[in-house]
Amino acid sequence: QVQLVESGGGLVQAGGSLRLSCAASGSIFSINVMGWYRQAPGKQRELVARMPTGGSTNYADSVKGRFTISRDNAKNTVYLQMNNLRPEDTGVYYCNAVLVNRLGFTDEYWGQGTQVTVSS
């Protein structure tokens, strides 16, 4: 079993900042990718940022220059620092991980989601 537990969402005014955290735990051998997705009301889930192990970081065009993804590999944790937030950043943010479990299988896992609301 693998669990992804997110924290750090909340309500903030436009121009403000929030920091999301996501810790992976359980039957983990290695992590290939950790990242963040979001889903606004009535819209499909979309990539916000992803960070492969040893690879290039990817950001959605809409968050470049405002959001920063980082990882603490020793803690199996990924962070999303969100600055200069806009109302259109409102949504449920989901942590995502692609990892190899201790049985040797590669699979994708999702957190339960954390709400981010940006008021204008």
PDB file of N, CA and C in Angstrom:
ATOM      1  N   GLN A   1       0.834  -1.194   0.000  1.00  0.00           N
ATOM      2  CA  GLN A   1       0.000   0.000   0.000  1.00  0.00           C
ATOM      3  C   GLN A   1       0.869   1.244   0.000  1.00  0.00           C
ATOM      4  N   VAL A   2       0.445   2.226  -0.797  1.00  0.00           N
ATOM      5  CA  VAL A   2       1.134   3.507  -0.861  1.00  0.00           C
ATOM      6  C   VAL A   2       0.118   4.609  -0.574  1.00  0.00           C
ATOM      7  N   GLN A   3       0.498   5.564   0.221  1.00  0.00           N
ATOM      8  CA  GLN A   3      -0.368   6.696   0.516  1.00  0.00           C
ATOM      9  C   GLN A   3       0.332   7.998   0.166  1.00  0.00           C
ATOM     10  N   LEU A   4      -0.432   8.924  -0.387  1.00  0.00           N
ATOM     11  CA  LEU A   4       0.046  10.282  -0.627  1.00  0.00           C
ATOM     12  C   LEU A   4      -0.827  11.203   0.216  1.00  0.00           C
ATOM     13  N   VAL A   5      -0.205  11.944   1.098  1.00  0.00           N
ATOM     14  CA  VAL A   5      -0.952  12.822   2.003  1.00  0.00           C
ATOM     15  C   VAL A   5      -0.542  14.260   1.741  1.00  0.00           C
ATOM     16  N   GLU A   6      -1.530  15.054   1.365  1.00  0.00           N
ATOM     17  CA  GLU A   6      -1.290  16.453   1.013  1.00  0.00           C
ATOM     18  C   GLU A   6      -1.654  17.375   2.170  1.00  0.00           C
ATOM     19  N   SER A   7      -1.051  18.544   2.174  1.00  0.00           N
ATOM     20  CA  SER A   7      -1.401  19.585   3.138  1.00  0.00           C
ATOM     21  C   SER A   7      -1.031  20.934   2.551  1.00  0.00           C
ATOM     22  N   GLY A   8      -1.615  21.995   3.134  1.00  0.00           N
ATOM     23  CA  GLY A   8      -1.206  23.341   2.759  1.00  0.00           C
ATOM     24  C   GLY A   8      -2.210  24.144   1.959  1.00  0.00           C
ATOM     25  N   GLY A   9      -3.331  23.568   1.583  1.00  0.00           N
ATOM     26  CA  GLY A   9      -4.312  24.338   0.842  1.00  0.00           C
ATOM     27  C   GLY A   9      -5.002  25.348   1.737  1.00  0.00           C
ATOM     28  N   GLY A  10      -5.869  26.170   1.123  1.00  0.00           N
ATOM     29  CA  GLY A  10      -6.598  27.138   1.911  1.00  0.00           C
ATOM     30  C   GLY A  10      -7.135  28.270   1.066  1.00  0.00           C
ATOM     31  N   LEU A  11      -7.568  29.322   1.746  1.00  0.00           N
ATOM     32  CA  LEU A  11      -8.127  30.508   1.110  1.00  0.00           C
ATOM     33  C   LEU A  11      -7.110  31.638   1.178  1.00  0.00           C
ATOM     34  N   VAL A  12      -6.888  32.291   0.057  1.00  0.00           N
ATOM     35  CA  VAL A  12      -5.919  33.381   0.001  1.00  0.00           C
ATOM     36  C   VAL A  12      -6.414  34.439  -0.971  1.00  0.00           C
ATOM     37  N   GLN A  13      -6.020  35.663  -0.747  1.00  0.00           N
ATOM     38  CA  GLN A  13      -6.379  36.738  -1.669  1.00  0.00           C
ATOM     39  C   GLN A  13      -5.475  36.719  -2.891  1.00  0.00           C
ATOM     40  N   ALA A  14      -5.969  37.258  -3.978  1.00  0.00           N
ATOM     41  CA  ALA A  14      -5.161  37.370  -5.187  1.00  0.00           C
ATOM     42  C   ALA A  14      -3.860  38.106  -4.877  1.00  0.00           C
ATOM     43  N   GLY A  15      -2.772  37.575  -5.435  1.00  0.00           N
ATOM     44  CA  GLY A  15      -1.458  38.127  -5.162  1.00  0.00           C
ATOM     45  C   GLY A  15      -0.750  37.466  -4.003  1.00  0.00           C
ATOM     46  N   GLY A  16      -1.457  36.654  -3.251  1.00  0.00           N
ATOM     47  CA  GLY A  16      -0.889  35.974  -2.100  1.00  0.00           C
ATOM     48  C   GLY A  16      -0.149  34.708  -2.479  1.00  0.00           C
ATOM     49  N   SER A  17       0.312  33.986  -1.450  1.00  0.00           N
ATOM     50  CA  SER A  17       1.107  32.779  -1.646  1.00  0.00           C
ATOM     51  C   SER A  17       0.581  31.643  -0.782  1.00  0.00           C
ATOM     52  N   LEU A  18       0.804  30.446  -1.259  1.00  0.00           N
ATOM     53  CA  LEU A  18       0.537  29.229  -0.506  1.00  0.00           C
ATOM     54  C   LEU A  18       1.626  28.223  -0.843  1.00  0.00           C
ATOM     55  N   ARG A  19       1.875  27.306   0.089  1.00  0.00           N
ATOM     56  CA  ARG A  19       2.823  26.226  -0.149  1.00  0.00           C
ATOM     57  C   ARG A  19       2.127  24.907   0.136  1.00  0.00           C
ATOM     58  N   LEU A  20       2.092  24.054  -0.872  1.00  0.00           N
ATOM     59  CA  LEU A  20       1.509  22.723  -0.725  1.00  0.00           C
ATOM     60  C   LEU A  20       2.621  21.707  -0.472  1.00  0.00           C
ATOM     61  N   SER A  21       2.292  20.703   0.327  1.00  0.00           N
ATOM     62  CA  SER A  21       3.221  19.608   0.592  1.00  0.00           C
ATOM     63  C   SER A  21       2.511  18.287   0.345  1.00  0.00           C
ATOM     64  N   CYS A  22       3.267  17.291  -0.063  1.00  0.00           N
ATOM     65  CA  CYS A  22       2.723  15.949  -0.268  1.00  0.00           C
ATOM     66  C   CYS A  22       3.788  14.931   0.104  1.00  0.00           C
ATOM     67  N   ALA A  23       3.464  14.094   1.073  1.00  0.00           N
ATOM     68  CA  ALA A  23       4.391  13.062   1.519  1.00  0.00           C
ATOM     69  C   ALA A  23       3.893  11.690   1.087  1.00  0.00           C
ATOM     70  N   ALA A  24       4.770  10.942   0.458  1.00  0.00           N
ATOM     71  CA  ALA A  24       4.460   9.571   0.049  1.00  0.00           C
ATOM     72  C   ALA A  24       5.003   8.609   1.098  1.00  0.00           C
ATOM     73  N   SER A  25       4.200   7.609   1.420  1.00  0.00           N
ATOM     74  CA  SER A  25       4.636   6.624   2.410  1.00  0.00           C
ATOM     75  C   SER A  25       4.079   5.251   2.051  1.00  0.00           C
ATOM     76  N   GLY A  26       4.660   4.228   2.675  1.00  0.00           N
ATOM     77  CA  GLY A  26       4.177   2.876   2.436  1.00  0.00           C
ATOM     78  C   GLY A  26       5.206   2.029   1.725  1.00  0.00           C
ATOM     79  N   SER A  27       4.711   1.137   0.893  1.00  0.00           N
ATOM     80  CA  SER A  27       5.559   0.150   0.226  1.00  0.00           C
ATOM     81  C   SER A  27       6.236   0.759  -1.009  1.00  0.00           C
ATOM     82  N   ILE A  28       7.251   1.583  -0.764  1.00  0.00           N
ATOM     83  CA  ILE A  28       7.932   2.311  -1.842  1.00  0.00           C
ATOM     84  C   ILE A  28       9.357   1.808  -1.981  1.00  0.00           C
ATOM     85  N   PHE A  29       9.720   1.441  -3.212  1.00  0.00           N
ATOM     86  CA  PHE A  29      11.109   1.101  -3.504  1.00  0.00           C
ATOM     87  C   PHE A  29      11.840   2.305  -4.072  1.00  0.00           C
ATOM     88  N   SER A  30      11.217   2.942  -5.068  1.00  0.00           N
ATOM     89  CA  SER A  30      11.804   4.144  -5.649  1.00  0.00           C
ATOM     90  C   SER A  30      10.697   4.971  -6.302  1.00  0.00           C
ATOM     91  N   ILE A  31      10.955   6.266  -6.409  1.00  0.00           N
ATOM     92  CA  ILE A  31       9.980   7.171  -7.009  1.00  0.00           C
ATOM     93  C   ILE A  31      10.526   7.699  -8.321  1.00  0.00           C
ATOM     94  N   ASN A  32       9.737   7.557  -9.389  1.00  0.00           N
ATOM     95  CA  ASN A  32      10.169   8.030 -10.697  1.00  0.00           C
ATOM     96  C   ASN A  32       9.802   9.497 -10.922  1.00  0.00           C
ATOM     97  N   VAL A  33       8.569   9.831 -10.567  1.00  0.00           N
ATOM     98  CA  VAL A  33       8.055  11.183 -10.806  1.00  0.00           C
ATOM     99  C   VAL A  33       7.149  11.577  -9.644  1.00  0.00           C
ATOM    100  N   MET A  34       7.228  12.823  -9.242  1.00  0.00           N
ATOM    101  CA  MET A  34       6.226  13.412  -8.342  1.00  0.00           C
ATOM    102  C   MET A  34       5.761  14.719  -8.952  1.00  0.00           C
ATOM    103  N   GLY A  35       4.495  15.022  -8.762  1.00  0.00           N
ATOM    104  CA  GLY A  35       3.985  16.233  -9.368  1.00  0.00           C
ATOM    105  C   GLY A  35       2.655  16.662  -8.794  1.00  0.00           C
ATOM    106  N   TRP A  36       2.135  17.723  -9.366  1.00  0.00           N
ATOM    107  CA  TRP A  36       0.864  18.301  -8.931  1.00  0.00           C
ATOM    108  C   TRP A  36      -0.051  18.520 -10.139  1.00  0.00           C
ATOM    109  N   TYR A  37      -1.311  18.195  -9.946  1.00  0.00           N
ATOM    110  CA  TYR A  37      -2.356  18.462 -10.916  1.00  0.00           C
ATOM    111  C   TYR A  37      -3.437  19.256 -10.199  1.00  0.00           C
ATOM    112  N   ARG A  38      -4.309  19.885 -10.974  1.00  0.00           N
ATOM    113  CA  ARG A  38      -5.420  20.598 -10.354  1.00  0.00           C
ATOM    114  C   ARG A  38      -6.665  20.443 -11.204  1.00  0.00           C
ATOM    115  N   GLN A  39      -7.795  20.603 -10.540  1.00  0.00           N
ATOM    116  CA  GLN A  39      -9.073  20.514 -11.226  1.00  0.00           C
ATOM    117  C   GLN A  39      -9.980  21.632 -10.731  1.00  0.00           C
ATOM    118  N   ALA A  40     -10.336  22.503 -11.653  1.00  0.00           N
ATOM    119  CA  ALA A  40     -11.272  23.581 -11.348  1.00  0.00           C
ATOM    120  C   ALA A  40     -12.701  23.075 -11.561  1.00  0.00           C
ATOM    121  N   PRO A  41     -13.672  23.699 -10.928  1.00  0.00           N
ATOM    122  CA  PRO A  41     -15.065  23.274 -11.096  1.00  0.00           C
ATOM    123  C   PRO A  41     -15.474  23.263 -12.568  1.00  0.00           C
ATOM    124  N   GLY A  42     -16.022  22.151 -13.010  1.00  0.00           N
ATOM    125  CA  GLY A  42     -16.499  22.047 -14.383  1.00  0.00           C
ATOM    126  C   GLY A  42     -15.417  21.836 -15.421  1.00  0.00           C
ATOM    127  N   LYS A  43     -14.180  21.650 -14.971  1.00  0.00           N
ATOM    128  CA  LYS A  43     -13.074  21.485 -15.917  1.00  0.00           C
ATOM    129  C   LYS A  43     -12.361  20.164 -15.667  1.00  0.00           C
ATOM    130  N   GLN A  44     -11.569  19.761 -16.655  1.00  0.00           N
ATOM    131  CA  GLN A  44     -10.800  18.538 -16.519  1.00  0.00           C
ATOM    132  C   GLN A  44      -9.561  18.780 -15.654  1.00  0.00           C
ATOM    133  N   ARG A  45      -9.086  17.696 -15.067  1.00  0.00           N
ATOM    134  CA  ARG A  45      -7.854  17.782 -14.297  1.00  0.00           C
ATOM    135  C   ARG A  45      -6.704  18.097 -15.254  1.00  0.00           C
ATOM    136  N   GLU A  46      -5.818  19.003 -14.815  1.00  0.00           N
ATOM    137  CA  GLU A  46      -4.704  19.431 -15.672  1.00  0.00           C
ATOM    138  C   GLU A  46      -3.395  19.401 -14.897  1.00  0.00           C
ATOM    139  N   LEU A  47      -2.323  19.216 -15.626  1.00  0.00           N
ATOM    140  CA  LEU A  47      -0.993  19.234 -15.029  1.00  0.00           C
ATOM    141  C   LEU A  47      -0.645  20.654 -14.584  1.00  0.00           C
ATOM    142  N   VAL A  48      -0.106  20.763 -13.381  1.00  0.00           N
ATOM    143  CA  VAL A  48       0.438  22.034 -12.902  1.00  0.00           C
ATOM    144  C   VAL A  48       1.958  22.000 -13.007  1.00  0.00           C
ATOM    145  N   ALA A  49       2.566  20.988 -12.417  1.00  0.00           N
ATOM    146  CA  ALA A  49       4.024  20.851 -12.460  1.00  0.00           C
ATOM    147  C   ALA A  49       4.383  19.414 -12.109  1.00  0.00           C
ATOM    148  N   ARG A  50       5.463  18.936 -12.712  1.00  0.00           N
ATOM    149  CA  ARG A  50       5.932  17.593 -12.412  1.00  0.00           C
ATOM    150  C   ARG A  50       7.455  17.593 -12.391  1.00  0.00           C
ATOM    151  N   MET A  51       8.002  16.710 -11.562  1.00  0.00           N
ATOM    152  CA  MET A  51       9.444  16.690 -11.362  1.00  0.00           C
ATOM    153  C   MET A  51       9.932  15.254 -11.399  1.00  0.00           C
ATOM    154  N   PRO A  52      10.431  14.784 -12.537  1.00  0.00           N
ATOM    155  CA  PRO A  52      10.978  13.434 -12.597  1.00  0.00           C
ATOM    156  C   PRO A  52      12.281  13.364 -11.810  1.00  0.00           C
ATOM    157  N   THR A  53      12.583  12.192 -11.302  1.00  0.00           N
ATOM    158  CA  THR A  53      13.851  12.006 -10.614  1.00  0.00           C
ATOM    159  C   THR A  53      14.975  12.088 -11.635  1.00  0.00           C
ATOM    160  N   GLY A  54      15.855  13.056 -11.456  1.00  0.00           N
ATOM    161  CA  GLY A  54      16.980  13.207 -12.370  1.00  0.00           C
ATOM    162  C   GLY A  54      16.620  13.767 -13.731  1.00  0.00           C
ATOM    163  N   GLY A  55      15.407  14.264 -13.891  1.00  0.00           N
ATOM    164  CA  GLY A  55      14.989  14.776 -15.180  1.00  0.00           C
ATOM    165  C   GLY A  55      14.586  16.233 -15.127  1.00  0.00           C
ATOM    166  N   SER A  56      14.073  16.720 -16.243  1.00  0.00           N
ATOM    167  CA  SER A  56      13.685  18.127 -16.335  1.00  0.00           C
ATOM    168  C   SER A  56      12.295  18.338 -15.737  1.00  0.00           C
ATOM    169  N   THR A  57      12.151  19.454 -15.066  1.00  0.00           N
ATOM    170  CA  THR A  57      10.868  19.830 -14.486  1.00  0.00           C
ATOM    171  C   THR A  57       9.961  20.416 -15.563  1.00  0.00           C
ATOM    172  N   ASN A  58       8.674  20.095 -15.479  1.00  0.00           N
ATOM    173  CA  ASN A  58       7.693  20.627 -16.414  1.00  0.00           C
ATOM    174  C   ASN A  58       6.670  21.474 -15.657  1.00  0.00           C
ATOM    175  N   TYR A  59       6.312  22.596 -16.252  1.00  0.00           N
ATOM    176  CA  TYR A  59       5.275  23.461 -15.686  1.00  0.00           C
ATOM    177  C   TYR A  59       4.213  23.754 -16.744  1.00  0.00           C
ATOM    178  N   ALA A  60       2.982  23.918 -16.300  1.00  0.00           N
ATOM    179  CA  ALA A  60       1.957  24.458 -17.179  1.00  0.00           C
ATOM    180  C   ALA A  60       2.322  25.900 -17.515  1.00  0.00           C
ATOM    181  N   ASP A  61       2.035  26.312 -18.736  1.00  0.00           N
ATOM    182  CA  ASP A  61       2.377  27.672 -19.156  1.00  0.00           C
ATOM    183  C   ASP A  61       1.752  28.715 -18.230  1.00  0.00           C
ATOM    184  N   SER A  62       0.574  28.423 -17.717  1.00  0.00           N
ATOM    185  CA  SER A  62      -0.161  29.399 -16.917  1.00  0.00           C
ATOM    186  C   SER A  62       0.478  29.665 -15.553  1.00  0.00           C
ATOM    187  N   VAL A  63       1.388  28.782 -15.112  1.00  0.00           N
ATOM    188  CA  VAL A  63       1.990  28.961 -13.781  1.00  0.00           C
ATOM    189  C   VAL A  63       3.482  29.263 -13.842  1.00  0.00           C
ATOM    190  N   LYS A  64       4.064  29.233 -15.027  1.00  0.00           N
ATOM    191  CA  LYS A  64       5.499  29.493 -15.152  1.00  0.00           C
ATOM    192  C   LYS A  64       5.839  30.870 -14.594  1.00  0.00           C
ATOM    193  N   GLY A  65       6.904  30.917 -13.809  1.00  0.00           N
ATOM    194  CA  GLY A  65       7.333  32.164 -13.210  1.00  0.00           C
ATOM    195  C   GLY A  65       6.630  32.487 -11.903  1.00  0.00           C
ATOM    196  N   ARG A  66       5.573  31.750 -11.574  1.00  0.00           N
ATOM    197  CA  ARG A  66       4.845  32.005 -10.325  1.00  0.00           C
ATOM    198  C   ARG A  66       4.913  30.814  -9.360  1.00  0.00           C
ATOM    199  N   PHE A  67       4.916  29.596  -9.904  1.00  0.00           N
ATOM    200  CA  PHE A  67       4.929  28.384  -9.079  1.00  0.00           C
ATOM    201  C   PHE A  67       6.301  27.717  -9.190  1.00  0.00           C
ATOM    202  N   THR A  68       6.719  27.087  -8.099  1.00  0.00           N
ATOM    203  CA  THR A  68       7.972  26.346  -8.079  1.00  0.00           C
ATOM    204  C   THR A  68       7.750  24.996  -7.416  1.00  0.00           C
ATOM    205  N   ILE A  69       8.123  23.937  -8.125  1.00  0.00           N
ATOM    206  CA  ILE A  69       8.028  22.595  -7.564  1.00  0.00           C
ATOM    207  C   ILE A  69       9.397  22.180  -7.056  1.00  0.00           C
ATOM    208  N   SER A  70       9.400  21.457  -5.939  1.00  0.00           N
ATOM    209  CA  SER A  70      10.664  20.955  -5.407  1.00  0.00           C
ATOM    210  C   SER A  70      10.400  19.628  -4.711  1.00  0.00           C
ATOM    211  N   ARG A  71      11.462  18.876  -4.497  1.00  0.00           N
ATOM    212  CA  ARG A  71      11.339  17.565  -3.847  1.00  0.00           C
ATOM    213  C   ARG A  71      12.396  17.406  -2.781  1.00  0.00           C
ATOM    214  N   ASP A  72      12.021  16.676  -1.740  1.00  0.00           N
ATOM    215  CA  ASP A  72      12.967  16.199  -0.740  1.00  0.00           C
ATOM    216  C   ASP A  72      12.962  14.682  -0.866  1.00  0.00           C
ATOM    217  N   ASN A  73      13.927  14.155  -1.582  1.00  0.00           N
ATOM    218  CA  ASN A  73      13.920  12.720  -1.880  1.00  0.00           C
ATOM    219  C   ASN A  73      14.096  11.869  -0.622  1.00  0.00           C
ATOM    220  N   ALA A  74      14.815  12.377   0.347  1.00  0.00           N
ATOM    221  CA  ALA A  74      15.016  11.624   1.589  1.00  0.00           C
ATOM    222  C   ALA A  74      13.695  11.438   2.346  1.00  0.00           C
ATOM    223  N   LYS A  75      12.768  12.369   2.143  1.00  0.00           N
ATOM    224  CA  LYS A  75      11.475  12.311   2.837  1.00  0.00           C
ATOM    225  C   LYS A  75      10.348  11.879   1.908  1.00  0.00           C
ATOM    226  N   ASN A  76      10.659  11.547   0.662  1.00  0.00           N
ATOM    227  CA  ASN A  76       9.624  11.190  -0.332  1.00  0.00           C
ATOM    228  C   ASN A  76       8.526  12.243  -0.374  1.00  0.00           C
ATOM    229  N   THR A  77       8.938  13.483  -0.382  1.00  0.00           N
ATOM    230  CA  THR A  77       7.998  14.595  -0.293  1.00  0.00           C
ATOM    231  C   THR A  77       8.195  15.553  -1.464  1.00  0.00           C
ATOM    232  N   VAL A  78       7.078  16.062  -1.968  1.00  0.00           N
ATOM    233  CA  VAL A  78       7.107  17.064  -3.028  1.00  0.00           C
ATOM    234  C   VAL A  78       6.372  18.300  -2.528  1.00  0.00           C
ATOM    235  N   TYR A  79       6.875  19.455  -2.937  1.00  0.00           N
ATOM    236  CA  TYR A  79       6.306  20.734  -2.522  1.00  0.00           C
ATOM    237  C   TYR A  79       5.906  21.531  -3.758  1.00  0.00           C
ATOM    238  N   LEU A  80       4.942  22.423  -3.566  1.00  0.00           N
ATOM    239  CA  LEU A  80       4.574  23.364  -4.614  1.00  0.00           C
ATOM    240  C   LEU A  80       4.445  24.740  -3.967  1.00  0.00           C
ATOM    241  N   GLN A  81       5.410  25.597  -4.247  1.00  0.00           N
ATOM    242  CA  GLN A  81       5.350  26.976  -3.767  1.00  0.00           C
ATOM    243  C   GLN A  81       4.602  27.799  -4.808  1.00  0.00           C
ATOM    244  N   MET A  82       3.499  28.392  -4.393  1.00  0.00           N
ATOM    245  CA  MET A  82       2.645  29.147  -5.307  1.00  0.00           C
ATOM    246  C   MET A  82       2.646  30.609  -4.890  1.00  0.00           C
ATOM    247  N   ASN A  83       3.184  31.451  -5.762  1.00  0.00           N
ATOM    248  CA  ASN A  83       3.250  32.882  -5.507  1.00  0.00           C
ATOM    249  C   ASN A  83       2.378  33.636  -6.509  1.00  0.00           C
ATOM    250  N   ASN A  84       2.044  34.875  -6.152  1.00  0.00           N
ATOM    251  CA  ASN A  84       1.243  35.730  -7.034  1.00  0.00           C
ATOM    252  C   ASN A  84       0.006  34.980  -7.541  1.00  0.00           C
ATOM    253  N   LEU A  85      -0.722  34.391  -6.616  1.00  0.00           N
ATOM    254  CA  LEU A  85      -1.878  33.590  -6.972  1.00  0.00           C
ATOM    255  C   LEU A  85      -2.971  34.432  -7.608  1.00  0.00           C
ATOM    256  N   ARG A  86      -3.676  33.807  -8.525  1.00  0.00           N
ATOM    257  CA  ARG A  86      -4.770  34.451  -9.262  1.00  0.00           C
ATOM    258  C   ARG A  86      -6.073  33.693  -9.008  1.00  0.00           C
ATOM    259  N   PRO A  87      -7.211  34.339  -9.178  1.00  0.00           N
ATOM    260  CA  PRO A  87      -8.490  33.625  -8.999  1.00  0.00           C
ATOM    261  C   PRO A  87      -8.598  32.390  -9.883  1.00  0.00           C
ATOM    262  N   GLU A  88      -8.001  32.433 -11.060  1.00  0.00           N
ATOM    263  CA  GLU A  88      -8.076  31.279 -11.967  1.00  0.00           C
ATOM    264  C   GLU A  88      -7.213  30.106 -11.494  1.00  0.00           C
ATOM    265  N   ASP A  89      -6.446  30.272 -10.449  1.00  0.00           N
ATOM    266  CA  ASP A  89      -5.694  29.168  -9.851  1.00  0.00           C
ATOM    267  C   ASP A  89      -6.564  28.352  -8.890  1.00  0.00           C
ATOM    268  N   THR A  90      -7.766  28.815  -8.646  1.00  0.00           N
ATOM    269  CA  THR A  90      -8.683  28.114  -7.738  1.00  0.00           C
ATOM    270  C   THR A  90      -9.004  26.716  -8.237  1.00  0.00           C
ATOM    271  N   GLY A  91      -8.991  25.755  -7.332  1.00  0.00           N
ATOM    272  CA  GLY A  91      -9.326  24.386  -7.682  1.00  0.00           C
ATOM    273  C   GLY A  91      -8.849  23.418  -6.616  1.00  0.00           C
ATOM    274  N   VAL A  92      -9.090  22.156  -6.875  1.00  0.00           N
ATOM    275  CA  VAL A  92      -8.566  21.106  -6.012  1.00  0.00           C
ATOM    276  C   VAL A  92      -7.225  20.665  -6.587  1.00  0.00           C
ATOM    277  N   TYR A  93      -6.219  20.694  -5.759  1.00  0.00           N
ATOM    278  CA  TYR A  93      -4.870  20.318  -6.173  1.00  0.00           C
ATOM    279  C   TYR A  93      -4.567  18.894  -5.705  1.00  0.00           C
ATOM    280  N   TYR A  94      -4.137  18.072  -6.651  1.00  0.00           N
ATOM    281  CA  TYR A  94      -3.868  16.664  -6.370  1.00  0.00           C
ATOM    282  C   TYR A  94      -2.380  16.367  -6.524  1.00  0.00           C
ATOM    283  N   CYS A  95      -1.848  15.686  -5.555  1.00  0.00           N
ATOM    284  CA  CYS A  95      -0.483  15.179  -5.642  1.00  0.00           C
ATOM    285  C   CYS A  95      -0.489  13.889  -6.463  1.00  0.00           C
ATOM    286  N   ASN A  96       0.548  13.708  -7.252  1.00  0.00           N
ATOM    287  CA  ASN A  96       0.665  12.522  -8.105  1.00  0.00           C
ATOM    288  C   ASN A  96       2.068  11.954  -7.989  1.00  0.00           C
ATOM    289  N   ALA A  97       2.153  10.637  -7.983  1.00  0.00           N
ATOM    290  CA  ALA A  97       3.464   9.996  -7.967  1.00  0.00           C
ATOM    291  C   ALA A  97       3.442   8.753  -8.841  1.00  0.00           C
ATOM    292  N   VAL A  98       4.496   8.578  -9.596  1.00  0.00           N
ATOM    293  CA  VAL A  98       4.728   7.340 -10.332  1.00  0.00           C
ATOM    294  C   VAL A  98       5.929   6.689  -9.660  1.00  0.00           C
ATOM    295  N   LEU A  99       5.718   5.482  -9.136  1.00  0.00           N
ATOM    296  CA  LEU A  99       6.780   4.884  -8.343  1.00  0.00           C
ATOM    297  C   LEU A  99       6.808   3.376  -8.513  1.00  0.00           C
ATOM    298  N   VAL A 100       7.929   2.817  -8.062  1.00  0.00           N
ATOM    299  CA  VAL A 100       8.105   1.370  -8.046  1.00  0.00           C
ATOM    300  C   VAL A 100       7.877   0.920  -6.610  1.00  0.00           C
ATOM    301  N   ASN A 101       6.934   0.002  -6.418  1.00  0.00           N
ATOM    302  CA  ASN A 101       6.690  -0.464  -5.053  1.00  0.00           C
ATOM    303  C   ASN A 101       7.643  -1.605  -4.704  1.00  0.00           C
ATOM    304  N   ARG A 102       7.559  -2.079  -3.490  1.00  0.00           N
ATOM    305  CA  ARG A 102       8.536  -3.070  -3.008  1.00  0.00           C
ATOM    306  C   ARG A 102       8.338  -4.442  -3.638  1.00  0.00           C
ATOM    307  N   LEU A 103       7.230  -4.605  -4.377  1.00  0.00           N
ATOM    308  CA  LEU A 103       7.040  -5.845  -5.132  1.00  0.00           C
ATOM    309  C   LEU A 103       7.643  -5.749  -6.522  1.00  0.00           C
ATOM    310  N   GLY A 104       8.132  -4.541  -6.843  1.00  0.00           N
ATOM    311  CA  GLY A 104       8.788  -4.359  -8.132  1.00  0.00           C
ATOM    312  C   GLY A 104       7.873  -3.844  -9.235  1.00  0.00           C
ATOM    313  N   PHE A 105       6.643  -3.475  -8.881  1.00  0.00           N
ATOM    314  CA  PHE A 105       5.702  -3.003  -9.887  1.00  0.00           C
ATOM    315  C   PHE A 105       5.680  -1.471  -9.923  1.00  0.00           C
ATOM    316  N   THR A 106       5.609  -0.923 -11.136  1.00  0.00           N
ATOM    317  CA  THR A 106       5.481   0.519 -11.318  1.00  0.00           C
ATOM    318  C   THR A 106       4.012   0.875 -11.418  1.00  0.00           C
ATOM    319  N   ASP A 107       3.605   1.850 -10.670  1.00  0.00           N
ATOM    320  CA  ASP A 107       2.201   2.253 -10.672  1.00  0.00           C
ATOM    321  C   ASP A 107       2.088   3.729 -10.385  1.00  0.00           C
ATOM    322  N   GLU A 108       0.906   4.253 -10.615  1.00  0.00           N
ATOM    323  CA  GLU A 108       0.640   5.674 -10.415  1.00  0.00           C
ATOM    324  C   GLU A 108      -0.320   5.835  -9.236  1.00  0.00           C
ATOM    325  N   TYR A 109      -0.043   6.835  -8.413  1.00  0.00           N
ATOM    326  CA  TYR A 109      -0.842   7.057  -7.213  1.00  0.00           C
ATOM    327  C   TYR A 109      -1.255   8.518  -7.135  1.00  0.00           C
ATOM    328  N   TRP A 110      -2.410   8.735  -6.470  1.00  0.00           N
ATOM    329  CA  TRP A 110      -2.951  10.082  -6.309  1.00  0.00           C
ATOM    330  C   TRP A 110      -3.247  10.360  -4.840  1.00  0.00           C
ATOM    331  N   GLY A 111      -3.064  11.613  -4.463  1.00  0.00           N
ATOM    332  CA  GLY A 111      -3.501  12.044  -3.144  1.00  0.00           C
ATOM    333  C   GLY A 111      -4.991  12.330  -3.151  1.00  0.00           C
ATOM    334  N   GLN A 112      -5.498  12.681  -1.981  1.00  0.00           N
ATOM    335  CA  GLN A 112      -6.938  12.887  -1.839  1.00  0.00           C
ATOM    336  C   GLN A 112      -7.372  14.273  -2.330  1.00  0.00           C
ATOM    337  N   GLY A 113      -6.420  15.161  -2.538  1.00  0.00           N
ATOM    338  CA  GLY A 113      -6.724  16.504  -3.016  1.00  0.00           C
ATOM    339  C   GLY A 113      -6.812  17.511  -1.890  1.00  0.00           C
ATOM    340  N   THR A 114      -6.375  18.721  -2.182  1.00  0.00           N
ATOM    341  CA  THR A 114      -6.476  19.814  -1.220  1.00  0.00           C
ATOM    342  C   THR A 114      -7.019  21.048  -1.947  1.00  0.00           C
ATOM    343  N   GLN A 115      -7.970  21.716  -1.315  1.00  0.00           N
ATOM    344  CA  GLN A 115      -8.635  22.846  -1.952  1.00  0.00           C
ATOM    345  C   GLN A 115      -7.787  24.107  -1.852  1.00  0.00           C
ATOM    346  N   VAL A 116      -7.651  24.778  -2.982  1.00  0.00           N
ATOM    347  CA  VAL A 116      -7.019  26.099  -3.025  1.00  0.00           C
ATOM    348  C   VAL A 116      -8.048  27.077  -3.588  1.00  0.00           C
ATOM    349  N   THR A 117      -8.340  28.114  -2.839  1.00  0.00           N
ATOM    350  CA  THR A 117      -9.302  29.119  -3.272  1.00  0.00           C
ATOM    351  C   THR A 117      -8.639  30.489  -3.238  1.00  0.00           C
ATOM    352  N   VAL A 118      -8.663  31.173  -4.383  1.00  0.00           N
ATOM    353  CA  VAL A 118      -8.058  32.496  -4.491  1.00  0.00           C
ATOM    354  C   VAL A 118      -9.173  33.505  -4.734  1.00  0.00           C
ATOM    355  N   SER A 119      -9.321  34.428  -3.821  1.00  0.00           N
ATOM    356  CA  SER A 119     -10.376  35.438  -3.948  1.00  0.00           C
ATOM    357  C   SER A 119      -9.833  36.684  -4.639  1.00  0.00           C
ATOM    358  N   SER A 120     -10.711  37.338  -5.372  1.00  0.00           N
ATOM    359  CA  SER A 120     -10.282  38.537  -6.117  1.00  0.00           C
ATOM    360  C   SER A 120     -10.445  39.801  -5.286  1.00  0.00           C
TER     361      SER A 120
END
